[in-house]
Amino acid sequence: MATSAQRIAVIGLGSMGFGMATSLLRAGFAVTGCDVSADSVARFKAGGGQGAATPAEAVRDAEIVVSVVVNAAQTEAILFGKDGALEAMAPGAVFVSAATMDPEIAKRLAARVEASGRLYLDAPISGGAQRAAQGELTILASGSAAAFAKARPALDAMAAKLYELGDAPGQGSAFKMINQLLAGVHIAAASEAISFAAKQGLDIRKVYEVITASAGNSWMFENRVPHVLEGDYTPRSAVDIFVKDLGIVQDMARNAKFPVPMSAAALQMFLMASASGMGRDDDIAVAKMYAQVTGAPLPGASKRD
């Protein structure tokens, strides 16, 4: 449980960041939220938090800064851009980066932060918005012992599982990219399978029941296919997230001269869905794209959006 002296800034109040910030509030921290959306900041303040208009304003007096943005470019802007966080952070404060990014970029960002006398924890997250709100995320973290020690109270409030994956930033990001490789392939495979089943004239609700009780099941099939059954492509995690993440996998693999044909094929399916206007739809909208191309009768997929 936090003491009254422990102050945390959460930068990025999207579906994940908002849940993480509310989990920290629930644990007793004094939490300041910051987001480009004034409505998100107002909503957080209505729930008992404090609000800030810029990263620099948010991090003043904070011992822990949790950055929950989409990618490395946004993380860099938060740290070093106009009204950026780094110069306003107290010496010895820790910057916890939850963004999914190339491990080499995580290393470079960490070096710049640590050269300034602050700490950096490479801590990408997994689990979705519901688990974020419940304080039950999985956090894949790496960094110095000092960074872990400073960030631990917040990590414990946000995570059901905290993996300490090494003493160097970049290692947490590398673990996350292996997860994203599998997640992207499994979503693409689930999309292909449920669309193919519909094209065969099968009862797709019965297909879901059978597959989730059989060896062909995956966590992504079980979690995402209900969205298809309801024709609900409201984004929990968007198609364009996997365009980004599987693109990072391809870059990493090319640099390592390591073949990744399965994730390369999955990337093409996400790219096709994005190019079809579904980039901001739920990531299982790859199934909707299959249905529109093939005429497979899926709910909510009879016309191009």
C-alpha atoms as a PDB file:
ATOM      1  CA  MET A   1       0.000   0.000   0.000  1.00  0.00           C
ATOM      2  CA  ALA A   2       1.294   3.428  -0.928  1.00  0.00           C
ATOM      3  CA  THR A   3       2.010   6.157   1.563  1.00  0.00           C
ATOM      4  CA  SER A   4       0.772   9.709   1.166  1.00  0.00           C
ATOM      5  CA  ALA A   5       4.273  10.775   0.113  1.00  0.00           C
ATOM      6  CA  GLN A   6       4.373   8.502  -2.929  1.00  0.00           C
ATOM      7  CA  ARG A   7       3.429  10.357  -6.083  1.00  0.00           C
ATOM      8  CA  ILE A   8       3.104   8.828  -9.534  1.00  0.00           C
ATOM      9  CA  ALA A   9       2.544  10.346 -12.968  1.00  0.00           C
ATOM     10  CA  VAL A  10       0.827   8.280 -15.654  1.00  0.00           C
ATOM     11  CA  ILE A  11       1.309   9.657 -19.148  1.00  0.00           C
ATOM     12  CA  GLY A  12      -1.145   8.195 -21.630  1.00  0.00           C
ATOM     13  CA  LEU A  13      -4.718   7.593 -20.469  1.00  0.00           C
ATOM     14  CA  GLY A  14      -5.917   5.330 -23.251  1.00  0.00           C
ATOM     15  CA  SER A  15      -7.653   2.016 -22.590  1.00  0.00           C
ATOM     16  CA  MET A  16      -4.560   0.542 -20.935  1.00  0.00           C
ATOM     17  CA  GLY A  17      -3.144   3.643 -19.268  1.00  0.00           C
ATOM     18  CA  PHE A  18      -6.467   4.683 -17.774  1.00  0.00           C
ATOM     19  CA  GLY A  19      -6.886   1.277 -16.158  1.00  0.00           C
ATOM     20  CA  MET A  20      -3.316   1.320 -14.847  1.00  0.00           C
ATOM     21  CA  ALA A  21      -3.792   4.805 -13.411  1.00  0.00           C
ATOM     22  CA  THR A  22      -7.022   3.815 -11.654  1.00  0.00           C
ATOM     23  CA  SER A  23      -5.311   0.721 -10.230  1.00  0.00           C
ATOM     24  CA  LEU A  24      -2.619   2.959  -8.780  1.00  0.00           C
ATOM     25  CA  LEU A  25      -5.266   5.265  -7.285  1.00  0.00           C
ATOM     26  CA  ARG A  26      -6.947   2.260  -5.714  1.00  0.00           C
ATOM     27  CA  ALA A  27      -3.629   1.245  -4.155  1.00  0.00           C
ATOM     28  CA  GLY A  28      -3.382   4.601  -2.390  1.00  0.00           C
ATOM     29  CA  PHE A  29      -0.952   6.538  -4.566  1.00  0.00           C
ATOM     30  CA  ALA A  30      -1.368  10.201  -5.421  1.00  0.00           C
ATOM     31  CA  VAL A  31      -1.655   9.898  -9.195  1.00  0.00           C
ATOM     32  CA  THR A  32      -1.485  12.629 -11.823  1.00  0.00           C
ATOM     33  CA  GLY A  33      -2.724  11.670 -15.287  1.00  0.00           C
ATOM     34  CA  CYS A  34      -1.735  13.284 -18.563  1.00  0.00           C
ATOM     35  CA  ASP A  35      -3.065  12.681 -22.065  1.00  0.00           C
ATOM     36  CA  VAL A  36      -3.449  14.510 -25.357  1.00  0.00           C
ATOM     37  CA  SER A  37      -7.203  14.053 -24.863  1.00  0.00           C
ATOM     38  CA  ALA A  38      -8.548  16.615 -22.418  1.00  0.00           C
ATOM     39  CA  ASP A  39     -11.673  14.463 -22.039  1.00  0.00           C
ATOM     40  CA  SER A  40      -9.579  11.539 -20.790  1.00  0.00           C
ATOM     41  CA  VAL A  41      -7.843  13.765 -18.243  1.00  0.00           C
ATOM     42  CA  ALA A  42     -11.198  15.152 -17.091  1.00  0.00           C
ATOM     43  CA  ARG A  43     -12.578  11.628 -16.716  1.00  0.00           C
ATOM     44  CA  PHE A  44      -9.566  10.625 -14.640  1.00  0.00           C
ATOM     45  CA  LYS A  45      -9.942  13.664 -12.405  1.00  0.00           C
ATOM     46  CA  ALA A  46     -13.628  12.844 -11.940  1.00  0.00           C
ATOM     47  CA  GLY A  47     -12.528   9.457 -10.612  1.00  0.00           C
ATOM     48  CA  GLY A  48     -10.333  10.985  -7.922  1.00  0.00           C
ATOM     49  CA  GLY A  49      -7.041  11.556  -9.715  1.00  0.00           C
ATOM     50  CA  GLN A  50      -5.189  14.731 -10.564  1.00  0.00           C
ATOM     51  CA  GLY A  51      -4.711  16.045 -14.091  1.00  0.00           C
ATOM     52  CA  ALA A  52      -1.947  17.743 -16.036  1.00  0.00           C
ATOM     53  CA  ALA A  53      -1.828  19.325 -19.470  1.00  0.00           C
ATOM     54  CA  THR A  54       1.774  18.377 -20.329  1.00  0.00           C
ATOM     55  CA  PRO A  55       4.248  15.635 -19.398  1.00  0.00           C
ATOM     56  CA  ALA A  56       6.484  18.219 -17.713  1.00  0.00           C
ATOM     57  CA  GLU A  57       3.635  19.359 -15.498  1.00  0.00           C
ATOM     58  CA  ALA A  58       2.584  15.781 -14.714  1.00  0.00           C
ATOM     59  CA  VAL A  59       5.970  14.557 -13.513  1.00  0.00           C
ATOM     60  CA  ARG A  60       6.869  17.356 -11.115  1.00  0.00           C
ATOM     61  CA  ASP A  61       7.302  15.853  -7.632  1.00  0.00           C
ATOM     62  CA  ALA A  62       6.643  12.327  -8.965  1.00  0.00           C
ATOM     63  CA  GLU A  63       8.937   9.530  -7.817  1.00  0.00           C
ATOM     64  CA  ILE A  64       7.626   7.192 -10.526  1.00  0.00           C
ATOM     65  CA  VAL A  65       6.585   8.097 -14.059  1.00  0.00           C
ATOM     66  CA  VAL A  66       4.627   5.448 -15.978  1.00  0.00           C
ATOM     67  CA  SER A  67       4.501   6.025 -19.737  1.00  0.00           C
ATOM     68  CA  VAL A  68       1.694   4.123 -21.491  1.00  0.00           C
ATOM     69  CA  VAL A  69       1.863   5.175 -25.127  1.00  0.00           C
ATOM     70  CA  VAL A  70       1.829   3.269 -28.400  1.00  0.00           C
ATOM     71  CA  ASN A  71       5.386   3.296 -29.663  1.00  0.00           C
ATOM     72  CA  ALA A  72       8.970   4.472 -29.407  1.00  0.00           C
ATOM     73  CA  ALA A  73       8.340   7.748 -31.242  1.00  0.00           C
ATOM     74  CA  GLN A  74       5.662   8.779 -28.755  1.00  0.00           C
ATOM     75  CA  THR A  75       7.883   7.715 -25.842  1.00  0.00           C
ATOM     76  CA  GLU A  76      10.723   9.833 -27.190  1.00  0.00           C
ATOM     77  CA  ALA A  77       8.408  12.829 -27.604  1.00  0.00           C
ATOM     78  CA  ILE A  78       7.156  12.465 -24.031  1.00  0.00           C
ATOM     79  CA  LEU A  79      10.706  12.377 -22.702  1.00  0.00           C
ATOM     80  CA  PHE A  80      12.529  14.890 -24.867  1.00  0.00           C
ATOM     81  CA  GLY A  81       9.931  16.895 -26.799  1.00  0.00           C
ATOM     82  CA  LYS A  82       8.331  20.253 -26.062  1.00  0.00           C
ATOM     83  CA  ASP A  83       7.184  20.296 -22.419  1.00  0.00           C
ATOM     84  CA  GLY A  84       8.845  16.911 -22.101  1.00  0.00           C
ATOM     85  CA  ALA A  85       9.110  14.888 -18.933  1.00  0.00           C
ATOM     86  CA  LEU A  86      12.832  14.292 -18.540  1.00  0.00           C
ATOM     87  CA  GLU A  87      14.072  17.726 -17.516  1.00  0.00           C
ATOM     88  CA  ALA A  88      11.137  18.134 -15.119  1.00  0.00           C
ATOM     89  CA  MET A  89      11.688  14.783 -13.415  1.00  0.00           C
ATOM     90  CA  ALA A  90      13.384  14.774 -10.025  1.00  0.00           C
ATOM     91  CA  PRO A  91      16.913  13.316  -9.901  1.00  0.00           C
ATOM     92  CA  GLY A  92      16.652   9.629  -9.025  1.00  0.00           C
ATOM     93  CA  ALA A  93      13.037   9.307 -10.223  1.00  0.00           C
ATOM     94  CA  VAL A  94      12.252   6.309 -12.422  1.00  0.00           C
ATOM     95  CA  PHE A  95      10.715   6.370 -15.902  1.00  0.00           C
ATOM     96  CA  VAL A  96       8.714   3.161 -16.512  1.00  0.00           C
ATOM     97  CA  SER A  97       8.218   2.665 -20.241  1.00  0.00           C
ATOM     98  CA  ALA A  98       5.280   0.377 -21.082  1.00  0.00           C
ATOM     99  CA  ALA A  99       5.362   0.924 -24.862  1.00  0.00           C
ATOM    100  CA  THR A 100       6.085  -1.925 -27.246  1.00  0.00           C
ATOM    101  CA  MET A 101       9.215  -1.042 -29.212  1.00  0.00           C
ATOM    102  CA  ASP A 102      12.360  -2.358 -30.846  1.00  0.00           C
ATOM    103  CA  PRO A 103      14.761  -3.447 -28.085  1.00  0.00           C
ATOM    104  CA  GLU A 104      17.593  -1.413 -29.616  1.00  0.00           C
ATOM    105  CA  ILE A 105      15.521   1.755 -29.346  1.00  0.00           C
ATOM    106  CA  ALA A 106      14.678   0.929 -25.723  1.00  0.00           C
ATOM    107  CA  LYS A 107      18.402   0.695 -25.009  1.00  0.00           C
ATOM    108  CA  ARG A 108      19.069   4.094 -26.601  1.00  0.00           C
ATOM    109  CA  LEU A 109      16.241   5.800 -24.719  1.00  0.00           C
ATOM    110  CA  ALA A 110      17.415   4.250 -21.451  1.00  0.00           C
ATOM    111  CA  ALA A 111      20.966   5.468 -21.996  1.00  0.00           C
ATOM    112  CA  ARG A 112      19.785   9.066 -22.480  1.00  0.00           C
ATOM    113  CA  VAL A 113      17.541   8.945 -19.416  1.00  0.00           C
ATOM    114  CA  GLU A 114      20.179   7.363 -17.195  1.00  0.00           C
ATOM    115  CA  ALA A 115      22.831   9.832 -18.344  1.00  0.00           C
ATOM    116  CA  SER A 116      20.632  12.575 -16.857  1.00  0.00           C
ATOM    117  CA  GLY A 117      20.648  11.028 -13.389  1.00  0.00           C
ATOM    118  CA  ARG A 118      17.208   9.432 -13.641  1.00  0.00           C
ATOM    119  CA  LEU A 119      16.344   5.731 -13.803  1.00  0.00           C
ATOM    120  CA  TYR A 120      14.738   3.811 -16.674  1.00  0.00           C
ATOM    121  CA  LEU A 121      12.744   0.581 -16.534  1.00  0.00           C
ATOM    122  CA  ASP A 122      11.925  -1.182 -19.807  1.00  0.00           C
ATOM    123  CA  ALA A 123       8.517  -2.619 -18.885  1.00  0.00           C
ATOM    124  CA  PRO A 124       6.163  -3.545 -21.741  1.00  0.00           C
ATOM    125  CA  ILE A 125       2.776  -4.887 -20.703  1.00  0.00           C
ATOM    126  CA  SER A 126       0.351  -7.624 -21.695  1.00  0.00           C
ATOM    127  CA  GLY A 127      -3.178  -8.458 -20.621  1.00  0.00           C
ATOM    128  CA  GLY A 128      -5.671  -6.031 -22.131  1.00  0.00           C
ATOM    129  CA  ALA A 129      -7.772  -3.160 -20.822  1.00  0.00           C
ATOM    130  CA  GLN A 130      -9.838  -5.225 -18.385  1.00  0.00           C
ATOM    131  CA  ARG A 131      -6.792  -6.619 -16.618  1.00  0.00           C
ATOM    132  CA  ALA A 132      -5.215  -3.177 -16.583  1.00  0.00           C
ATOM    133  CA  ALA A 133      -8.263  -1.835 -14.739  1.00  0.00           C
ATOM    134  CA  GLN A 134      -8.097  -4.731 -12.284  1.00  0.00           C
ATOM    135  CA  GLY A 135      -4.392  -4.277 -11.574  1.00  0.00           C
ATOM    136  CA  GLU A 136      -3.726  -7.731 -13.022  1.00  0.00           C
ATOM    137  CA  LEU A 137      -1.411  -7.081 -15.954  1.00  0.00           C
ATOM    138  CA  THR A 138       1.606  -9.113 -16.918  1.00  0.00           C
ATOM    139  CA  ILE A 139       4.667  -6.852 -16.960  1.00  0.00           C
ATOM    140  CA  LEU A 140       7.840  -7.923 -18.767  1.00  0.00           C
ATOM    141  CA  ALA A 141      10.508  -5.750 -17.204  1.00  0.00           C
ATOM    142  CA  SER A 142      14.243  -5.262 -17.361  1.00  0.00           C
ATOM    143  CA  GLY A 143      16.526  -2.630 -15.891  1.00  0.00           C
ATOM    144  CA  SER A 144      18.908  -1.881 -13.065  1.00  0.00           C
ATOM    145  CA  ALA A 145      18.337  -3.039  -9.499  1.00  0.00           C
ATOM    146  CA  ALA A 146      17.868   0.614  -8.542  1.00  0.00           C
ATOM    147  CA  ALA A 147      15.158   1.088 -11.188  1.00  0.00           C
ATOM    148  CA  PHE A 148      13.299  -2.001  -9.999  1.00  0.00           C
ATOM    149  CA  ALA A 149      13.559  -0.917  -6.365  1.00  0.00           C
ATOM    150  CA  LYS A 150      12.192   2.562  -7.104  1.00  0.00           C
ATOM    151  CA  ALA A 151       9.351   1.320  -9.363  1.00  0.00           C
ATOM    152  CA  ARG A 152       8.348  -1.798  -7.392  1.00  0.00           C
ATOM    153  CA  PRO A 153       5.436  -0.302  -5.393  1.00  0.00           C
ATOM    154  CA  ALA A 154       3.766   0.803  -8.625  1.00  0.00           C
ATOM    155  CA  LEU A 155       4.574  -2.436 -10.435  1.00  0.00           C
ATOM    156  CA  ASP A 156       3.003  -4.443  -7.631  1.00  0.00           C
ATOM    157  CA  ALA A 157      -0.175  -2.341  -7.849  1.00  0.00           C
ATOM    158  CA  MET A 158      -0.500  -2.757 -11.625  1.00  0.00           C
ATOM    159  CA  ALA A 159       0.540  -6.367 -12.167  1.00  0.00           C
ATOM    160  CA  ALA A 160      -0.602  -9.857 -11.285  1.00  0.00           C
ATOM    161  CA  LYS A 161       2.624 -11.183 -12.784  1.00  0.00           C
ATOM    162  CA  LEU A 162       5.875  -9.258 -12.844  1.00  0.00           C
ATOM    163  CA  TYR A 163       8.719 -10.885 -14.737  1.00  0.00           C
ATOM    164  CA  GLU A 164      12.175  -9.530 -13.958  1.00  0.00           C
ATOM    165  CA  LEU A 165      14.019 -10.332 -17.167  1.00  0.00           C
ATOM    166  CA  GLY A 166      17.464  -8.889 -16.714  1.00  0.00           C
ATOM    167  CA  ASP A 167      19.434  -5.890 -15.576  1.00  0.00           C
ATOM    168  CA  ALA A 168      19.621  -4.168 -18.955  1.00  0.00           C
ATOM    169  CA  PRO A 169      16.853  -2.196 -20.695  1.00  0.00           C
ATOM    170  CA  GLY A 170      15.896  -3.804 -24.011  1.00  0.00           C
ATOM    171  CA  GLN A 171      15.516  -7.309 -22.648  1.00  0.00           C
ATOM    172  CA  GLY A 172      11.925  -6.693 -21.557  1.00  0.00           C
ATOM    173  CA  SER A 173      11.139  -5.343 -25.022  1.00  0.00           C
ATOM    174  CA  ALA A 174      12.724  -8.384 -26.671  1.00  0.00           C
ATOM    175  CA  PHE A 175      10.525 -10.711 -24.626  1.00  0.00           C
ATOM    176  CA  LYS A 176       7.472  -8.641 -25.563  1.00  0.00           C
ATOM    177  CA  MET A 177       8.253  -8.937 -29.266  1.00  0.00           C
ATOM    178  CA  ILE A 178       8.318 -12.733 -29.023  1.00  0.00           C
ATOM    179  CA  ASN A 179       4.872 -12.510 -27.433  1.00  0.00           C
ATOM    180  CA  GLN A 180       3.676 -10.188 -30.193  1.00  0.00           C
ATOM    181  CA  LEU A 181       4.980 -12.505 -32.898  1.00  0.00           C
ATOM    182  CA  LEU A 182       2.862 -15.321 -31.480  1.00  0.00           C
ATOM    183  CA  ALA A 183      -0.142 -13.114 -30.746  1.00  0.00           C
ATOM    184  CA  GLY A 184      -0.222 -11.727 -34.279  1.00  0.00           C
ATOM    185  CA  VAL A 185       0.133 -15.149 -35.895  1.00  0.00           C
ATOM    186  CA  HIS A 186      -2.589 -16.583 -33.656  1.00  0.00           C
ATOM    187  CA  ILE A 187      -5.031 -13.747 -34.430  1.00  0.00           C
ATOM    188  CA  ALA A 188      -4.422 -14.113 -38.164  1.00  0.00           C
ATOM    189  CA  ALA A 189      -4.883 -17.888 -37.898  1.00  0.00           C
ATOM    190  CA  ALA A 190      -8.071 -17.509 -35.852  1.00  0.00           C
ATOM    191  CA  SER A 191      -9.414 -15.057 -38.444  1.00  0.00           C
ATOM    192  CA  GLU A 192      -8.640 -17.430 -41.284  1.00  0.00           C
ATOM    193  CA  ALA A 193     -10.153 -20.417 -39.500  1.00  0.00           C
ATOM    194  CA  ILE A 194     -13.456 -18.838 -38.454  1.00  0.00           C
ATOM    195  CA  SER A 195     -13.928 -17.238 -41.893  1.00  0.00           C
ATOM    196  CA  PHE A 196     -13.182 -20.543 -43.632  1.00  0.00           C
ATOM    197  CA  ALA A 197     -15.670 -22.270 -41.345  1.00  0.00           C
ATOM    198  CA  ALA A 198     -18.345 -19.722 -42.280  1.00  0.00           C
ATOM    199  CA  LYS A 199     -17.588 -20.212 -45.976  1.00  0.00           C
ATOM    200  CA  GLN A 200     -18.088 -23.955 -45.496  1.00  0.00           C
ATOM    201  CA  GLY A 201     -21.577 -23.273 -44.185  1.00  0.00           C
ATOM    202  CA  LEU A 202     -20.777 -24.357 -40.642  1.00  0.00           C
ATOM    203  CA  ASP A 203     -22.520 -22.989 -37.583  1.00  0.00           C
ATOM    204  CA  ILE A 204     -19.713 -20.731 -36.376  1.00  0.00           C
ATOM    205  CA  ARG A 205     -21.008 -20.650 -32.800  1.00  0.00           C
ATOM    206  CA  LYS A 206     -20.755 -24.426 -32.739  1.00  0.00           C
ATOM    207  CA  VAL A 207     -17.310 -24.165 -34.343  1.00  0.00           C
ATOM    208  CA  TYR A 208     -16.253 -21.897 -31.481  1.00  0.00           C
ATOM    209  CA  GLU A 209     -17.618 -24.365 -28.925  1.00  0.00           C
ATOM    210  CA  VAL A 210     -15.853 -27.322 -30.541  1.00  0.00           C
ATOM    211  CA  ILE A 211     -12.505 -25.640 -31.156  1.00  0.00           C
ATOM    212  CA  THR A 212     -12.229 -24.155 -27.668  1.00  0.00           C
ATOM    213  CA  ALA A 213     -12.590 -27.708 -26.321  1.00  0.00           C
ATOM    214  CA  SER A 214     -10.099 -29.159 -28.811  1.00  0.00           C
ATOM    215  CA  ALA A 215      -6.377 -29.171 -29.538  1.00  0.00           C
ATOM    216  CA  GLY A 216      -6.647 -26.466 -32.188  1.00  0.00           C
ATOM    217  CA  ASN A 217      -7.621 -23.830 -29.631  1.00  0.00           C
ATOM    218  CA  SER A 218      -5.450 -20.833 -28.755  1.00  0.00           C
ATOM    219  CA  TRP A 219      -5.867 -18.035 -26.232  1.00  0.00           C
ATOM    220  CA  MET A 220      -6.407 -15.598 -29.092  1.00  0.00           C
ATOM    221  CA  PHE A 221      -9.040 -17.805 -30.766  1.00  0.00           C
ATOM    222  CA  GLU A 222     -10.916 -18.118 -27.485  1.00  0.00           C
ATOM    223  CA  ASN A 223     -10.627 -14.414 -26.649  1.00  0.00           C
ATOM    224  CA  ARG A 224     -11.178 -12.793 -30.056  1.00  0.00           C
ATOM    225  CA  VAL A 225     -13.623 -15.002 -31.960  1.00  0.00           C
ATOM    226  CA  PRO A 226     -16.564 -13.987 -29.715  1.00  0.00           C
ATOM    227  CA  HIS A 227     -16.156 -10.506 -31.230  1.00  0.00           C
ATOM    228  CA  VAL A 228     -16.673 -12.083 -34.656  1.00  0.00           C
ATOM    229  CA  LEU A 229     -19.709 -14.040 -33.475  1.00  0.00           C
ATOM    230  CA  GLU A 230     -21.322 -10.791 -32.345  1.00  0.00           C
ATOM    231  CA  GLY A 231     -20.179  -8.796 -35.388  1.00  0.00           C
ATOM    232  CA  ASP A 232     -18.590  -6.372 -32.933  1.00  0.00           C
ATOM    233  CA  TYR A 233     -15.324  -4.874 -34.157  1.00  0.00           C
ATOM    234  CA  THR A 234     -15.078  -2.163 -31.507  1.00  0.00           C
ATOM    235  CA  PRO A 235     -11.325  -1.937 -30.904  1.00  0.00           C
ATOM    236  CA  ARG A 236      -9.948  -3.517 -27.761  1.00  0.00           C
ATOM    237  CA  SER A 237      -6.634  -3.803 -29.592  1.00  0.00           C
ATOM    238  CA  ALA A 238      -6.569  -2.435 -33.129  1.00  0.00           C
ATOM    239  CA  VAL A 239      -5.419  -3.913 -36.434  1.00  0.00           C
ATOM    240  CA  ASP A 240      -2.800  -1.177 -36.762  1.00  0.00           C
ATOM    241  CA  ILE A 241      -1.182  -2.241 -33.480  1.00  0.00           C
ATOM    242  CA  PHE A 242      -0.161  -5.480 -35.162  1.00  0.00           C
ATOM    243  CA  VAL A 243       0.881  -3.688 -38.346  1.00  0.00           C
ATOM    244  CA  LYS A 244       3.341  -1.867 -36.087  1.00  0.00           C
ATOM    245  CA  ASP A 245       4.391  -4.780 -33.883  1.00  0.00           C
ATOM    246  CA  LEU A 246       4.830  -7.391 -36.596  1.00  0.00           C
ATOM    247  CA  GLY A 247       6.732  -4.752 -38.564  1.00  0.00           C
ATOM    248  CA  ILE A 248       9.133  -4.487 -35.614  1.00  0.00           C
ATOM    249  CA  VAL A 249       9.475  -8.274 -35.608  1.00  0.00           C
ATOM    250  CA  GLN A 250      10.411  -8.157 -39.298  1.00  0.00           C
ATOM    251  CA  ASP A 251      13.022  -5.458 -38.665  1.00  0.00           C
ATOM    252  CA  MET A 252      14.542  -7.416 -35.780  1.00  0.00           C
ATOM    253  CA  ALA A 253      14.595 -10.621 -37.792  1.00  0.00           C
ATOM    254  CA  ARG A 254      16.168  -8.956 -40.815  1.00  0.00           C
ATOM    255  CA  ASN A 255      18.926  -7.489 -38.661  1.00  0.00           C
ATOM    256  CA  ALA A 256      19.531 -10.920 -37.103  1.00  0.00           C
ATOM    257  CA  LYS A 257      19.331 -12.660 -40.502  1.00  0.00           C
ATOM    258  CA  PHE A 258      16.665 -14.919 -39.012  1.00  0.00           C
ATOM    259  CA  PRO A 259      13.728 -16.149 -41.158  1.00  0.00           C
ATOM    260  CA  VAL A 260      10.230 -15.461 -39.772  1.00  0.00           C
ATOM    261  CA  PRO A 261       7.863 -16.543 -42.567  1.00  0.00           C
ATOM    262  CA  MET A 262       4.832 -17.159 -40.334  1.00  0.00           C
ATOM    263  CA  SER A 263       4.847 -13.665 -38.850  1.00  0.00           C
ATOM    264  CA  ALA A 264       5.612 -12.192 -42.277  1.00  0.00           C
ATOM    265  CA  ALA A 265       2.452 -13.786 -43.669  1.00  0.00           C
ATOM    266  CA  ALA A 266       0.433 -12.565 -40.680  1.00  0.00           C
ATOM    267  CA  LEU A 267       1.762  -9.046 -41.192  1.00  0.00           C
ATOM    268  CA  GLN A 268       0.475  -9.067 -44.767  1.00  0.00           C
ATOM    269  CA  MET A 269      -3.019  -9.977 -43.539  1.00  0.00           C
ATOM    270  CA  PHE A 270      -3.006  -7.102 -41.039  1.00  0.00           C
ATOM    271  CA  LEU A 271      -1.691  -4.761 -43.717  1.00  0.00           C
ATOM    272  CA  MET A 272      -4.470  -5.833 -46.082  1.00  0.00           C
ATOM    273  CA  ALA A 273      -7.099  -5.242 -43.393  1.00  0.00           C
ATOM    274  CA  SER A 274      -5.610  -1.821 -42.636  1.00  0.00           C
ATOM    275  CA  ALA A 275      -5.500  -0.909 -46.323  1.00  0.00           C
ATOM    276  CA  SER A 276      -9.182  -1.896 -46.541  1.00  0.00           C
ATOM    277  CA  GLY A 277     -10.066   0.793 -44.014  1.00  0.00           C
ATOM    278  CA  MET A 278     -10.066  -1.407 -40.909  1.00  0.00           C
ATOM    279  CA  GLY A 279      -6.881  -0.157 -39.259  1.00  0.00           C
ATOM    280  CA  ARG A 280      -8.727   1.176 -36.213  1.00  0.00           C
ATOM    281  CA  ASP A 281     -11.078  -1.796 -35.912  1.00  0.00           C
ATOM    282  CA  ASP A 282     -10.489  -4.594 -33.431  1.00  0.00           C
ATOM    283  CA  ASP A 283      -7.544  -6.742 -34.496  1.00  0.00           C
ATOM    284  CA  ILE A 284      -9.835  -9.709 -35.261  1.00  0.00           C
ATOM    285  CA  ALA A 285     -11.214  -7.578 -38.130  1.00  0.00           C
ATOM    286  CA  VAL A 286      -8.790  -9.582 -40.278  1.00  0.00           C
ATOM    287  CA  ALA A 287     -11.700 -12.067 -40.265  1.00  0.00           C
ATOM    288  CA  LYS A 288     -14.031  -9.369 -41.614  1.00  0.00           C
ATOM    289  CA  MET A 289     -11.548  -8.660 -44.391  1.00  0.00           C
ATOM    290  CA  TYR A 290     -11.452 -12.391 -45.270  1.00  0.00           C
ATOM    291  CA  ALA A 291     -15.253 -12.446 -45.335  1.00  0.00           C
ATOM    292  CA  GLN A 292     -15.534  -9.419 -47.598  1.00  0.00           C
ATOM    293  CA  VAL A 293     -13.034 -10.873 -50.055  1.00  0.00           C
ATOM    294  CA  THR A 294     -14.515 -14.372 -50.115  1.00  0.00           C
ATOM    295  CA  GLY A 295     -18.185 -13.815 -49.374  1.00  0.00           C
ATOM    296  CA  ALA A 296     -18.002 -15.860 -46.168  1.00  0.00           C
ATOM    297  CA  PRO A 297     -21.152 -15.022 -44.180  1.00  0.00           C
ATOM    298  CA  LEU A 298     -19.809 -13.496 -40.972  1.00  0.00           C
ATOM    299  CA  PRO A 299     -21.940 -11.194 -38.801  1.00  0.00           C
ATOM    300  CA  GLY A 300     -21.235  -7.536 -39.510  1.00  0.00           C
ATOM    301  CA  ALA A 301     -19.038  -8.287 -42.513  1.00  0.00           C
ATOM    302  CA  SER A 302     -21.467  -8.159 -45.427  1.00  0.00           C
ATOM    303  CA  LYS A 303     -20.331  -4.767 -46.683  1.00  0.00           C
ATOM    304  CA  ARG A 304     -17.165  -2.757 -46.843  1.00  0.00           C
ATOM    305  CA  ASP A 305     -16.987  -0.124 -44.076  1.00  0.00           C
END
